[in-house]
Amino acid sequence: MRKLIYGMNLSLDGYIAAPGDDIGWGVPSDELFQWWLDQELAIGLLMYGRKLWEAMSSHWPTGDQQPDATPAQIEFARNWRDTPKVVFSSTIDKVDWNTRLVTGDAVAEITRLKADDGEPMRVGGATLAGAAMRAGLVDEYEIVTHPVLVGGGTPFFTALDSWVNLNLMETRTFPGGVVLTRYETRR
């Protein structure tokens, strides 16, 4: 069975995006970017909701060709293109870059994918991750908290139907007061 990880940058008040889907407040330091790259290199399948897919696919297909791209950003872009992806959406009709579109039941498809053998999978996007959390499918949470208050927007955690008990796996501090906490679901 594959491990399912949900991890994103979030504001101190718990949002992954400020109003208007603004994620400009979460610019990572080189050290944090390298940490995210290291995590992504271990992932065998990326799963996105529509909004996160649109954000990622607007930059990373050519992220390695940007004149100011760092070596880590170049490697991230190449890895992003090469890693298999699934996008869950009923409003878009085309995806590229080693990606498959699923328009049906996301929880059923995530459950099916999780039952396979293979490398860990990452789910991204609050709505999609919320559905996976409510179904009890998320095994690990990577919470990278930035010292900024955005006052609203898209929350990291969506409403759950029941408790989710977690065990702390790791804490780490990055430049700028950014704090990583990793948890595993206690089953």
Protein backbone atom coordinates (compact mmCIF):
# COMPACT_ATOMS: atom_id res chain seq x y z
CA MET A 1 0.00 0.00 0.00
CA ARG A 2 1.28 3.47 -0.92
CA LYS A 3 1.67 6.29 1.58
CA LEU A 4 -0.38 9.45 0.97
CA ILE A 5 1.18 12.76 2.07
CA TYR A 6 -0.51 16.16 2.30
CA GLY A 7 1.90 19.04 2.67
CA MET A 8 1.90 22.69 1.77
CA ASN A 9 3.13 26.10 2.86
CA LEU A 10 0.67 27.89 5.10
CA SER A 11 0.31 31.16 6.91
CA LEU A 12 0.43 31.41 10.68
CA ASP A 13 -3.34 31.80 10.68
CA GLY A 14 -3.75 28.53 8.75
CA TYR A 15 -4.23 29.48 5.10
CA ILE A 16 -2.50 28.03 2.03
CA ALA A 17 -3.65 30.98 -0.09
CA ALA A 18 -4.72 34.49 0.84
CA PRO A 19 -7.92 36.02 -0.59
CA GLY A 20 -7.84 35.98 -4.38
CA ASP A 21 -5.74 32.78 -4.33
CA ASP A 22 -2.62 34.87 -3.61
CA ILE A 23 0.34 32.66 -2.62
CA GLY A 24 2.99 35.36 -2.96
CA TRP A 25 3.49 35.54 0.81
CA GLY A 26 4.98 32.02 0.91
CA VAL A 27 8.22 32.52 -1.04
CA PRO A 28 10.65 29.90 0.31
CA SER A 29 14.28 30.51 1.22
CA ASP A 30 16.86 28.54 -0.75
CA GLU A 31 17.13 26.11 2.19
CA LEU A 32 13.36 25.57 2.35
CA PHE A 33 13.13 25.21 -1.43
CA GLN A 34 15.83 22.54 -1.27
CA TRP A 35 13.84 20.73 1.46
CA TRP A 36 10.72 20.77 -0.74
CA LEU A 37 12.79 19.47 -3.67
CA ASP A 38 14.15 16.62 -1.55
CA GLN A 39 10.60 15.67 -0.58
CA GLU A 40 9.36 15.80 -4.16
CA LEU A 41 12.20 13.58 -5.41
CA ALA A 42 10.83 10.78 -3.19
CA ILE A 43 7.26 11.08 -4.55
CA GLY A 44 6.01 8.68 -7.19
CA LEU A 45 2.69 10.38 -8.00
CA LEU A 46 1.43 13.94 -7.57
CA MET A 47 -2.31 14.57 -7.22
CA TYR A 48 -3.78 18.03 -7.65
CA GLY A 49 -7.09 19.77 -7.49
CA ARG A 50 -7.84 22.25 -10.25
CA LYS A 51 -6.60 25.44 -8.56
CA LEU A 52 -3.24 24.03 -7.50
CA TRP A 53 -2.84 22.36 -10.90
CA GLU A 54 -3.38 25.70 -12.62
CA ALA A 55 -0.79 27.37 -10.35
CA MET A 56 1.81 24.62 -10.80
CA SER A 57 1.28 24.15 -14.54
CA SER A 58 1.53 27.88 -15.18
CA HIS A 59 5.16 27.93 -14.01
CA TRP A 60 6.94 24.57 -13.63
CA PRO A 61 6.78 23.24 -17.22
CA THR A 62 9.35 25.91 -18.14
CA GLY A 63 10.69 26.74 -14.67
CA ASP A 64 14.11 25.38 -15.60
CA GLN A 65 14.34 27.77 -18.55
CA GLN A 66 13.90 30.97 -16.51
CA PRO A 67 17.04 33.15 -16.60
CA ASP A 68 17.17 33.49 -12.81
CA ALA A 69 16.42 29.82 -12.02
CA THR A 70 18.61 28.33 -9.30
CA PRO A 71 20.03 24.80 -9.62
CA ALA A 72 17.32 23.55 -7.18
CA GLN A 73 14.57 25.24 -9.22
CA ILE A 74 15.94 23.68 -12.40
CA GLU A 75 15.94 20.24 -10.79
CA PHE A 76 12.45 20.82 -9.33
CA ALA A 77 11.06 21.76 -12.76
CA ARG A 78 12.58 18.71 -14.42
CA ASN A 79 11.34 16.42 -11.66
CA TRP A 80 7.88 18.01 -11.80
CA ARG A 81 7.60 17.35 -15.54
CA ASP A 82 8.83 13.75 -15.17
CA THR A 83 6.72 12.76 -12.15
CA PRO A 84 3.35 11.20 -13.03
CA LYS A 85 0.45 13.44 -12.05
CA VAL A 86 -3.30 13.11 -11.66
CA VAL A 87 -5.55 16.17 -11.77
CA PHE A 88 -9.04 15.91 -10.33
CA SER A 89 -11.43 18.38 -11.95
CA SER A 90 -14.82 18.50 -13.57
CA THR A 91 -14.21 21.95 -15.10
CA ILE A 92 -11.07 21.48 -17.20
CA ASP A 93 -10.81 19.15 -20.17
CA LYS A 94 -7.10 18.96 -20.96
CA VAL A 95 -3.88 18.40 -19.02
CA ASP A 96 -0.27 18.03 -20.15
CA TRP A 97 3.17 17.12 -18.78
CA ASN A 98 2.82 13.46 -17.82
CA THR A 99 -0.63 14.08 -16.35
CA ARG A 100 -3.93 12.23 -16.37
CA LEU A 101 -7.30 13.95 -15.79
CA VAL A 102 -9.92 12.37 -13.54
CA THR A 103 -13.41 13.86 -13.66
CA GLY A 104 -15.15 11.27 -11.49
CA ASP A 105 -15.09 10.36 -7.80
CA ALA A 106 -11.78 11.58 -6.38
CA VAL A 107 -11.97 9.54 -3.17
CA ALA A 108 -12.59 6.32 -5.08
CA GLU A 109 -9.63 6.99 -7.40
CA ILE A 110 -7.29 7.99 -4.55
CA THR A 111 -8.32 4.84 -2.67
CA ARG A 112 -7.58 2.73 -5.75
CA LEU A 113 -4.18 4.39 -6.30
CA LYS A 114 -3.27 4.07 -2.64
CA ALA A 115 -3.96 0.33 -2.70
CA ASP A 116 -1.20 -0.15 -5.29
CA ASP A 117 2.42 -0.81 -4.41
CA GLY A 118 4.87 1.95 -5.13
CA GLU A 119 6.45 5.18 -4.01
CA PRO A 120 4.56 7.66 -1.83
CA MET A 121 1.93 9.93 -3.35
CA ARG A 122 1.38 13.62 -2.58
CA VAL A 123 -2.03 15.26 -2.59
CA GLY A 124 -2.17 19.01 -3.07
CA GLY A 125 -4.95 21.53 -2.94
CA ALA A 126 -7.17 22.10 0.07
CA THR A 127 -10.43 20.81 -1.41
CA LEU A 128 -8.93 17.60 -2.78
CA ALA A 129 -6.86 17.02 0.36
CA GLY A 130 -9.92 17.71 2.51
CA ALA A 131 -11.83 14.95 0.73
CA ALA A 132 -8.88 12.57 1.26
CA MET A 133 -8.67 13.56 4.95
CA ARG A 134 -12.40 12.99 5.51
CA ALA A 135 -12.03 9.55 3.92
CA GLY A 136 -9.14 8.71 6.27
CA LEU A 137 -6.65 8.33 3.41
CA VAL A 138 -3.90 10.79 4.46
CA ASP A 139 -0.98 9.10 6.20
CA GLU A 140 1.32 12.06 6.74
CA TYR A 141 1.06 15.85 7.00
CA GLU A 142 3.91 18.24 6.15
CA ILE A 143 3.00 21.66 7.52
CA VAL A 144 5.40 24.48 6.62
CA THR A 145 4.25 27.54 8.55
CA HIS A 146 5.37 31.01 7.47
CA PRO A 147 5.32 33.90 9.97
CA VAL A 148 2.68 35.90 8.14
CA LEU A 149 -1.02 36.50 8.82
CA VAL A 150 -3.17 36.72 5.69
CA GLY A 151 -6.56 37.11 7.38
CA GLY A 152 -8.53 34.72 5.20
CA GLY A 153 -8.43 32.72 2.01
CA THR A 154 -8.11 28.98 1.51
CA PRO A 155 -7.54 27.04 4.76
CA PHE A 156 -5.03 24.18 4.95
CA PHE A 157 -7.53 22.08 6.91
CA THR A 158 -11.09 21.86 5.70
CA ALA A 159 -13.97 20.74 7.88
CA LEU A 160 -13.54 17.16 9.05
CA ASP A 161 -16.26 14.74 10.07
CA SER A 162 -14.26 13.31 12.99
CA TRP A 163 -10.99 13.60 14.89
CA VAL A 164 -7.68 12.84 13.24
CA ASN A 165 -5.06 11.86 15.82
CA LEU A 166 -1.48 12.56 14.84
CA ASN A 167 2.02 11.64 16.02
CA LEU A 168 4.75 14.25 15.71
CA MET A 169 7.55 13.00 13.44
CA GLU A 170 9.78 16.04 12.96
CA THR A 171 10.16 19.75 13.61
CA ARG A 172 12.63 22.04 11.90
CA THR A 173 13.18 25.78 11.55
CA PHE A 174 14.19 27.50 8.31
CA PRO A 175 15.48 31.03 7.69
CA GLY A 176 12.93 33.77 8.19
CA GLY A 177 11.19 32.01 11.07
CA VAL A 178 9.54 29.37 8.88
CA VAL A 179 8.71 26.22 10.87
CA LEU A 180 8.20 22.71 9.51
CA THR A 181 6.16 20.19 11.47
CA ARG A 182 5.62 16.68 10.11
CA TYR A 183 2.98 14.37 11.53
CA GLU A 184 1.83 10.85 10.80
CA THR A 185 -1.73 9.73 11.24
CA ARG A 186 -2.15 7.59 14.33
CA ARG A 187 -4.18 4.55 13.32
